[in-house]
């Protein structure tokens, strides 16, 4: 889900870059015309990080393909004013429109090329395949892809201000699949109006509304037409809403009550907040959630935004709440119904730091295996069976006494070593 703490144009561009990828086929590749120079290509490589650029008659896709410019073509060209037509490769290996990804992959293997243009019968460029994208498709077979268009699924967040209606239009024009309405308290006329607007003008776009913590709040948003709900208020690791505003609800009862009500309308629920360990993921799913949001658990990974620093010999990364002073100064105050220019701000979050958890490529498989083993220990094969078991009563929660909680943790040993993947 792409955040909206940026301009409409910037967020739309991020959605566009995701939707441009179509299961290995780049349907809107960056192209240049014959009037471009070597200096232009070098600038693109410096700014965008790639240099395999198709050259077409008009400089746009859908025009006759003239050649390709790659790094090896201009590496030793000393004159930046040299035309790309003087250095580009003209004898190209191409695939015909309508070829499958497997066929294109075989052709790239046999030709040992890094880029494979796709052309129609007239020789016009219609798509491009990059070897790096094929490797991504091979290495990440479980990525979220639309079954019809074969494009990556992409979601984006919006608020409920007047300007957000224009944001929604821009995101829908780029093919966004789901819009998440971001609000600390979702049961409002503003959010209901936004839901109705999206469903009326962009019926193909799913809407996740919230946040809610009661069945009544959920009912209002479901009635407005939402497709999913976020559940949680004041339970995040850096959230102080319950302390400052005395508003919120314990997360377990919130998920259970909201999910039980939403199930009648086949509306999935996202558990937002309170997840500190793999065990909490299992608890949230058992209570009825379809998925969980993890802020603090993922904030310490290498892929999370932020800079590293060391404290007491531990590598840390800064982590701030959306209701913190720092985040509000960057524009997040709108989600708390406050003007970003207002001099009076009520902080509902704090800034802190989290320990290094390594890369997501190691951390997420660890969480996935933890969840699988938890289901195995309970004797359940799937999440659908888990939810059914809770409704039917053969999967139950039990209260634990302080003694039971003590024996359920590590005890009677000293100098315990941890992998760092558990609760922090």
Foldseek 3Di string as FASTA:
>chain_A
DAEDLDDLVVSLVVLLVQQCDFLQKRQFDQAAEQQAWQLVLVVCCVVPVARFHWYFHVRGAQGATQFTTHCVQCVPPPDRNHTCVVRGDRPAAEAEPPDDPVVVVVSCVVVVDQKHFYAYPVRTTRIMGGPVSVVVCVVCVPFAADPPRSGGAAEYEFELDPVRLVSLVSNVVSPHAEYEYFALAFQDPSNLVVLLSCCVPPVRHAYETDDDQAQVSLVSNVVSPHQAYEYWHQAAPFFQCCPQVVDTDPQLNSLLRNQVNCVVVPHAYEYEHDDFFLVVQLSSLLSRHPYYDDAQLCCQEPPHDADWDDDPRFIKGKDWDCQAPVNLCSPSQVSVVDDSPDPDGDRGGGIDIHTHPYHPVPLVVVSVVSNCVVCVVQPHDDSVRSNVCVVVVVDDDDDDDPVRVVVVDDDPDPPDDDPSSGGD
